[in-house]
PDB file of N, CA and C in Angstrom:
ATOM      1  N   UNK A   1     -43.794 -18.255 -16.716  1.00  0.00           N
ATOM      2  CA  UNK A   1     -44.212 -17.338 -16.953  1.00  0.00           C
ATOM      3  C   UNK A   1     -44.276 -16.345 -18.350  1.00  0.00           C
ATOM      4  N   UNK A   2     -44.963 -15.957 -18.863  1.00  0.00           N
ATOM      5  CA  UNK A   2     -44.407 -15.302 -20.942  1.00  0.00           C
ATOM      6  C   UNK A   2     -44.565 -13.756 -20.357  1.00  0.00           C
ATOM      7  N   UNK A   3     -43.241 -13.221 -20.919  1.00  0.00           N
ATOM      8  CA  UNK A   3     -43.422 -11.638 -20.781  1.00  0.00           C
ATOM      9  C   UNK A   3     -43.585 -11.115 -22.013  1.00  0.00           C
ATOM     10  N   UNK A   4     -43.744 -10.664 -22.636  1.00  0.00           N
ATOM     11  CA  UNK A   4     -43.989 -10.195 -24.434  1.00  0.00           C
ATOM     12  C   UNK A   4     -43.154  -8.811 -24.674  1.00  0.00           C
ATOM     13  N   UNK A   5     -42.690  -7.951 -23.981  1.00  0.00           N
ATOM     14  CA  UNK A   5     -42.380  -6.825 -23.134  1.00  0.00           C
ATOM     15  C   UNK A   5     -41.455  -7.121 -22.844  1.00  0.00           C
ATOM     16  N   UNK A   6     -40.756  -6.245 -22.463  1.00  0.00           N
ATOM     17  CA  UNK A   6     -39.158  -5.639 -22.378  1.00  0.00           C
ATOM     18  C   UNK A   6     -39.359  -5.040 -20.848  1.00  0.00           C
ATOM     19  N   UNK A   7     -40.828  -4.909 -20.321  1.00  0.00           N
ATOM     20  CA  UNK A   7     -41.245  -3.489 -19.155  1.00  0.00           C
ATOM     21  C   UNK A   7     -40.873  -4.575 -18.072  1.00  0.00           C
ATOM     22  N   UNK A   8     -40.538  -3.543 -16.554  1.00  0.00           N
ATOM     23  CA  UNK A   8     -39.532  -4.050 -15.294  1.00  0.00           C
ATOM     24  C   UNK A   8     -40.922  -5.314 -14.593  1.00  0.00           C
ATOM     25  N   UNK A   9     -40.772  -6.463 -14.313  1.00  0.00           N
ATOM     26  CA  UNK A   9     -41.965  -7.204 -13.541  1.00  0.00           C
ATOM     27  C   UNK A   9     -42.672  -6.115 -12.821  1.00  0.00           C
ATOM     28  N   UNK A  10     -43.954  -6.754 -13.470  1.00  0.00           N
ATOM     29  CA  UNK A  10     -45.307  -5.634 -12.263  1.00  0.00           C
ATOM     30  C   UNK A  10     -45.780  -6.592 -11.828  1.00  0.00           C
ATOM     31  N   UNK A  11     -45.894  -7.788 -10.552  1.00  0.00           N
ATOM     32  CA  UNK A  11     -46.562  -7.952  -9.406  1.00  0.00           C
ATOM     33  C   UNK A  11     -47.922  -8.361  -9.836  1.00  0.00           C
ATOM     34  N   UNK A  12     -48.539  -7.090 -10.747  1.00  0.00           N
ATOM     35  CA  UNK A  12     -49.879  -6.793 -10.386  1.00  0.00           C
ATOM     36  C   UNK A  12     -50.826  -7.555 -11.795  1.00  0.00           C
ATOM     37  N   UNK A  13     -50.133  -7.065 -12.816  1.00  0.00           N
ATOM     38  CA  UNK A  13     -50.147  -7.887 -14.345  1.00  0.00           C
ATOM     39  C   UNK A  13     -50.858  -8.813 -14.159  1.00  0.00           C
ATOM     40  N   UNK A  14     -51.504  -9.492 -14.957  1.00  0.00           N
ATOM     41  CA  UNK A  14     -51.505 -11.145 -14.692  1.00  0.00           C
ATOM     42  C   UNK A  14     -50.418 -11.637 -16.590  1.00  0.00           C
ATOM     43  N   UNK A  15     -49.583 -12.603 -16.265  1.00  0.00           N
ATOM     44  CA  UNK A  15     -48.887 -13.212 -16.974  1.00  0.00           C
ATOM     45  C   UNK A  15     -49.150 -14.111 -17.363  1.00  0.00           C
ATOM     46  N   UNK A  16     -49.332 -13.991 -18.955  1.00  0.00           N
ATOM     47  CA  UNK A  16     -49.609 -15.899 -19.592  1.00  0.00           C
ATOM     48  C   UNK A  16     -48.683 -16.981 -18.956  1.00  0.00           C
ATOM     49  N   UNK A  17     -48.840 -18.366 -17.795  1.00  0.00           N
ATOM     50  CA  UNK A  17     -48.264 -19.391 -17.536  1.00  0.00           C
ATOM     51  C   UNK A  17     -48.373 -19.985 -19.188  1.00  0.00           C
ATOM     52  N   UNK A  18     -46.685 -20.375 -19.149  1.00  0.00           N
ATOM     53  CA  UNK A  18     -46.193 -21.410 -19.906  1.00  0.00           C
ATOM     54  C   UNK A  18     -46.358 -22.666 -19.931  1.00  0.00           C
ATOM     55  N   UNK A  19     -45.996 -22.770 -18.730  1.00  0.00           N
ATOM     56  CA  UNK A  19     -45.955 -24.267 -18.129  1.00  0.00           C
ATOM     57  C   UNK A  19     -45.898 -24.247 -16.959  1.00  0.00           C
ATOM     58  N   UNK A  20     -46.970 -25.403 -16.511  1.00  0.00           N
ATOM     59  CA  UNK A  20     -47.634 -25.179 -15.294  1.00  0.00           C
ATOM     60  C   UNK A  20     -46.652 -26.375 -14.075  1.00  0.00           C
ATOM     61  N   UNK A  21     -46.360 -27.130 -15.267  1.00  0.00           N
ATOM     62  CA  UNK A  21     -45.046 -28.202 -14.206  1.00  0.00           C
ATOM     63  C   UNK A  21     -46.099 -29.289 -14.224  1.00  0.00           C
ATOM     64  N   UNK A  22     -45.634 -30.376 -14.314  1.00  0.00           N
ATOM     65  CA  UNK A  22     -46.118 -31.734 -13.263  1.00  0.00           C
ATOM     66  C   UNK A  22     -46.834 -31.903 -12.525  1.00  0.00           C
ATOM     67  N   UNK A  23     -47.843 -31.917 -11.856  1.00  0.00           N
ATOM     68  CA  UNK A  23     -48.480 -32.225 -10.133  1.00  0.00           C
ATOM     69  C   UNK A  23     -48.978 -33.193 -10.601  1.00  0.00           C
ATOM     70  N   UNK A  24     -48.358 -34.398  -9.636  1.00  0.00           N
ATOM     71  CA  UNK A  24     -49.535 -35.833  -8.409  1.00  0.00           C
ATOM     72  C   UNK A  24     -50.328 -34.906  -7.089  1.00  0.00           C
ATOM     73  N   UNK A  25     -50.868 -35.911  -7.101  1.00  0.00           N
ATOM     74  CA  UNK A  25     -52.087 -35.575  -5.062  1.00  0.00           C
ATOM     75  C   UNK A  25     -51.322 -37.480  -4.876  1.00  0.00           C
ATOM     76  N   UNK A  26     -50.880 -37.446  -3.599  1.00  0.00           N
ATOM     77  CA  UNK A  26     -50.851 -38.329  -3.242  1.00  0.00           C
ATOM     78  C   UNK A  26     -52.275 -38.608  -1.890  1.00  0.00           C
ATOM     79  N   UNK A  27     -52.925 -39.267  -1.352  1.00  0.00           N
ATOM     80  CA  UNK A  27     -53.906 -39.209  -0.579  1.00  0.00           C
ATOM     81  C   UNK A  27     -54.136 -40.282   0.197  1.00  0.00           C
ATOM     82  N   UNK A  28     -53.836 -40.114   1.429  1.00  0.00           N
ATOM     83  CA  UNK A  28     -54.034 -40.948   2.824  1.00  0.00           C
ATOM     84  C   UNK A  28     -55.086 -41.025   3.270  1.00  0.00           C
ATOM     85  N   UNK A  29     -54.788 -41.652   4.711  1.00  0.00           N
ATOM     86  CA  UNK A  29     -56.312 -40.701   5.454  1.00  0.00           C
ATOM     87  C   UNK A  29     -56.361 -40.071   6.347  1.00  0.00           C
ATOM     88  N   UNK A  30     -54.994 -38.864   6.690  1.00  0.00           N
ATOM     89  CA  UNK A  30     -54.972 -38.465   7.580  1.00  0.00           C
ATOM     90  C   UNK A  30     -53.983 -36.985   6.386  1.00  0.00           C
ATOM     91  N   UNK A  31     -54.234 -37.454   5.667  1.00  0.00           N
ATOM     92  CA  UNK A  31     -53.048 -35.769   5.448  1.00  0.00           C
ATOM     93  C   UNK A  31     -53.498 -36.539   3.068  1.00  0.00           C
ATOM     94  N   UNK A  32     -52.351 -35.571   2.798  1.00  0.00           N
ATOM     95  CA  UNK A  32     -52.439 -34.760   1.029  1.00  0.00           C
ATOM     96  C   UNK A  32     -51.223 -34.158   1.566  1.00  0.00           C
ATOM     97  N   UNK A  33     -50.966 -35.583  -0.243  1.00  0.00           N
ATOM     98  CA  UNK A  33     -49.340 -34.697  -0.442  1.00  0.00           C
ATOM     99  C   UNK A  33     -49.355 -33.670  -1.853  1.00  0.00           C
ATOM    100  N   UNK A  34     -49.387 -32.667  -2.135  1.00  0.00           N
ATOM    101  CA  UNK A  34     -48.724 -31.748  -3.411  1.00  0.00           C
ATOM    102  C   UNK A  34     -48.159 -31.870  -4.279  1.00  0.00           C
ATOM    103  N   UNK A  35     -47.429 -32.369  -5.347  1.00  0.00           N
ATOM    104  CA  UNK A  35     -46.230 -32.269  -5.765  1.00  0.00           C
ATOM    105  C   UNK A  35     -46.244 -31.371  -6.990  1.00  0.00           C
ATOM    106  N   UNK A  36     -45.571 -30.335  -7.454  1.00  0.00           N
ATOM    107  CA  UNK A  36     -45.645 -29.986  -8.700  1.00  0.00           C
ATOM    108  C   UNK A  36     -43.964 -29.695  -8.427  1.00  0.00           C
ATOM    109  N   UNK A  37     -43.580 -30.497 -10.073  1.00  0.00           N
ATOM    110  CA  UNK A  37     -41.976 -31.282 -10.784  1.00  0.00           C
ATOM    111  C   UNK A  37     -42.082 -29.422 -12.173  1.00  0.00           C
ATOM    112  N   UNK A  38     -40.976 -29.749 -11.948  1.00  0.00           N
ATOM    113  CA  UNK A  38     -41.249 -27.894 -13.235  1.00  0.00           C
ATOM    114  C   UNK A  38     -39.863 -28.181 -14.037  1.00  0.00           C
ATOM    115  N   UNK A  39     -39.573 -28.299 -15.062  1.00  0.00           N
ATOM    116  CA  UNK A  39     -37.810 -28.471 -15.561  1.00  0.00           C
ATOM    117  C   UNK A  39     -38.036 -27.134 -16.518  1.00  0.00           C
ATOM    118  N   UNK A  40     -36.804 -26.510 -16.685  1.00  0.00           N
ATOM    119  CA  UNK A  40     -36.764 -25.570 -17.823  1.00  0.00           C
ATOM    120  C   UNK A  40     -35.362 -26.297 -19.015  1.00  0.00           C
ATOM    121  N   UNK A  41     -36.140 -26.839 -19.947  1.00  0.00           N
ATOM    122  CA  UNK A  41     -34.656 -27.866 -20.952  1.00  0.00           C
ATOM    123  C   UNK A  41     -34.022 -27.119 -21.357  1.00  0.00           C
ATOM    124  N   UNK A  42     -33.819 -25.378 -21.798  1.00  0.00           N
ATOM    125  CA  UNK A  42     -33.372 -24.320 -22.793  1.00  0.00           C
ATOM    126  C   UNK A  42     -31.682 -24.387 -21.389  1.00  0.00           C
ATOM    127  N   UNK A  43     -32.405 -23.619 -20.732  1.00  0.00           N
ATOM    128  CA  UNK A  43     -31.410 -23.501 -19.275  1.00  0.00           C
ATOM    129  C   UNK A  43     -30.972 -24.465 -18.166  1.00  0.00           C
ATOM    130  N   UNK A  44     -31.998 -25.909 -18.321  1.00  0.00           N
ATOM    131  CA  UNK A  44     -31.839 -26.994 -17.570  1.00  0.00           C
ATOM    132  C   UNK A  44     -32.260 -26.612 -15.955  1.00  0.00           C
ATOM    133  N   UNK A  45     -32.534 -25.870 -15.046  1.00  0.00           N
ATOM    134  CA  UNK A  45     -32.873 -26.063 -14.329  1.00  0.00           C
ATOM    135  C   UNK A  45     -34.276 -26.103 -14.579  1.00  0.00           C
ATOM    136  N   UNK A  46     -34.719 -26.383 -12.853  1.00  0.00           N
ATOM    137  CA  UNK A  46     -36.318 -26.775 -12.334  1.00  0.00           C
ATOM    138  C   UNK A  46     -36.226 -27.377 -11.080  1.00  0.00           C
ATOM    139  N   UNK A  47     -37.551 -27.466 -10.814  1.00  0.00           N
ATOM    140  CA  UNK A  47     -37.412 -28.042  -9.010  1.00  0.00           C
ATOM    141  C   UNK A  47     -38.830 -28.983  -8.881  1.00  0.00           C
ATOM    142  N   UNK A  48     -38.425 -28.822  -7.758  1.00  0.00           N
ATOM    143  CA  UNK A  48     -39.923 -29.816  -7.295  1.00  0.00           C
ATOM    144  C   UNK A  48     -39.726 -29.256  -5.676  1.00  0.00           C
ATOM    145  N   UNK A  49     -41.115 -29.382  -5.712  1.00  0.00           N
ATOM    146  CA  UNK A  49     -41.817 -28.290  -4.964  1.00  0.00           C
ATOM    147  C   UNK A  49     -42.759 -29.600  -4.130  1.00  0.00           C
ATOM    148  N   UNK A  50     -42.428 -29.791  -2.914  1.00  0.00           N
ATOM    149  CA  UNK A  50     -44.026 -30.990  -2.138  1.00  0.00           C
ATOM    150  C   UNK A  50     -44.681 -29.832  -1.369  1.00  0.00           C
ATOM    151  N   UNK A  51     -45.710 -29.939  -1.047  1.00  0.00           N
ATOM    152  CA  UNK A  51     -46.430 -29.735   0.391  1.00  0.00           C
ATOM    153  C   UNK A  51     -47.735 -30.786   0.341  1.00  0.00           C
ATOM    154  N   UNK A  52     -47.468 -30.543   1.953  1.00  0.00           N
ATOM    155  CA  UNK A  52     -48.508 -31.948   2.367  1.00  0.00           C
ATOM    156  C   UNK A  52     -48.999 -31.366   3.778  1.00  0.00           C
ATOM    157  N   UNK A  53     -50.775 -31.450   4.325  1.00  0.00           N
ATOM    158  CA  UNK A  53     -51.281 -31.484   4.566  1.00  0.00           C
ATOM    159  C   UNK A  53     -52.026 -32.274   5.440  1.00  0.00           C
ATOM    160  N   UNK A  54     -51.066 -32.289   6.389  1.00  0.00           N
ATOM    161  CA  UNK A  54     -51.914 -33.154   7.575  1.00  0.00           C
ATOM    162  C   UNK A  54     -52.683 -32.790   8.781  1.00  0.00           C
ATOM    163  N   UNK A  55     -54.136 -33.906   9.132  1.00  0.00           N
ATOM    164  CA  UNK A  55     -54.268 -33.566  10.370  1.00  0.00           C
ATOM    165  C   UNK A  55     -53.481 -34.482  11.282  1.00  0.00           C
ATOM    166  N   UNK A  56     -54.415 -33.996  12.836  1.00  0.00           N
ATOM    167  CA  UNK A  56     -53.656 -33.942  13.835  1.00  0.00           C
ATOM    168  C   UNK A  56     -55.359 -35.397  14.282  1.00  0.00           C
ATOM    169  N   UNK A  57     -55.289 -36.170  14.492  1.00  0.00           N
ATOM    170  CA  UNK A  57     -56.236 -37.397  14.736  1.00  0.00           C
ATOM    171  C   UNK A  57     -55.848 -36.571  16.619  1.00  0.00           C
ATOM    172  N   UNK A  58     -58.016 -36.326  16.979  1.00  0.00           N
ATOM    173  CA  UNK A  58     -58.068 -35.926  18.343  1.00  0.00           C
ATOM    174  C   UNK A  58     -57.889 -34.887  18.428  1.00  0.00           C
ATOM    175  N   UNK A  59     -57.383 -33.646  17.338  1.00  0.00           N
ATOM    176  CA  UNK A  59     -57.416 -32.325  18.093  1.00  0.00           C
ATOM    177  C   UNK A  59     -57.728 -31.712  16.382  1.00  0.00           C
ATOM    178  N   UNK A  60     -58.169 -30.468  16.826  1.00  0.00           N
ATOM    179  CA  UNK A  60     -58.504 -29.862  15.331  1.00  0.00           C
ATOM    180  C   UNK A  60     -57.730 -28.973  15.152  1.00  0.00           C
ATOM    181  N   UNK A  61     -56.658 -29.973  14.659  1.00  0.00           N
ATOM    182  CA  UNK A  61     -55.691 -29.095  13.975  1.00  0.00           C
ATOM    183  C   UNK A  61     -55.088 -29.551  12.511  1.00  0.00           C
ATOM    184  N   UNK A  62     -54.257 -28.787  11.828  1.00  0.00           N
ATOM    185  CA  UNK A  62     -54.004 -28.920  10.273  1.00  0.00           C
ATOM    186  C   UNK A  62     -52.577 -28.535  10.009  1.00  0.00           C
ATOM    187  N   UNK A  63     -52.079 -29.911   9.637  1.00  0.00           N
ATOM    188  CA  UNK A  63     -50.342 -29.211   9.833  1.00  0.00           C
ATOM    189  C   UNK A  63     -49.999 -28.935   8.543  1.00  0.00           C
ATOM    190  N   UNK A  64     -49.290 -27.432   7.758  1.00  0.00           N
ATOM    191  CA  UNK A  64     -49.102 -27.557   6.802  1.00  0.00           C
ATOM    192  C   UNK A  64     -47.207 -27.914   6.568  1.00  0.00           C
ATOM    193  N   UNK A  65     -46.829 -28.835   5.978  1.00  0.00           N
ATOM    194  CA  UNK A  65     -45.419 -29.289   5.748  1.00  0.00           C
ATOM    195  C   UNK A  65     -45.201 -28.460   4.642  1.00  0.00           C
ATOM    196  N   UNK A  66     -43.751 -27.757   3.687  1.00  0.00           N
ATOM    197  CA  UNK A  66     -43.171 -27.245   2.579  1.00  0.00           C
ATOM    198  C   UNK A  66     -41.887 -27.134   3.373  1.00  0.00           C
TER     199      UNK A  66
END
């Protein structure tokens, strides 16, 4: 996010997204995995976030894993 002023963070305000990271999607027969990789070269920090949506065979169920 890009905060152009020094005001306190406002969770209602819409901020510009500077870098949404690299997104990949893996599709399988009964699941989908979303991966977001984000790094900040200036600070050296980053993260990898994965979320898997999986259907349970024979049941009306969906499992979310993250």
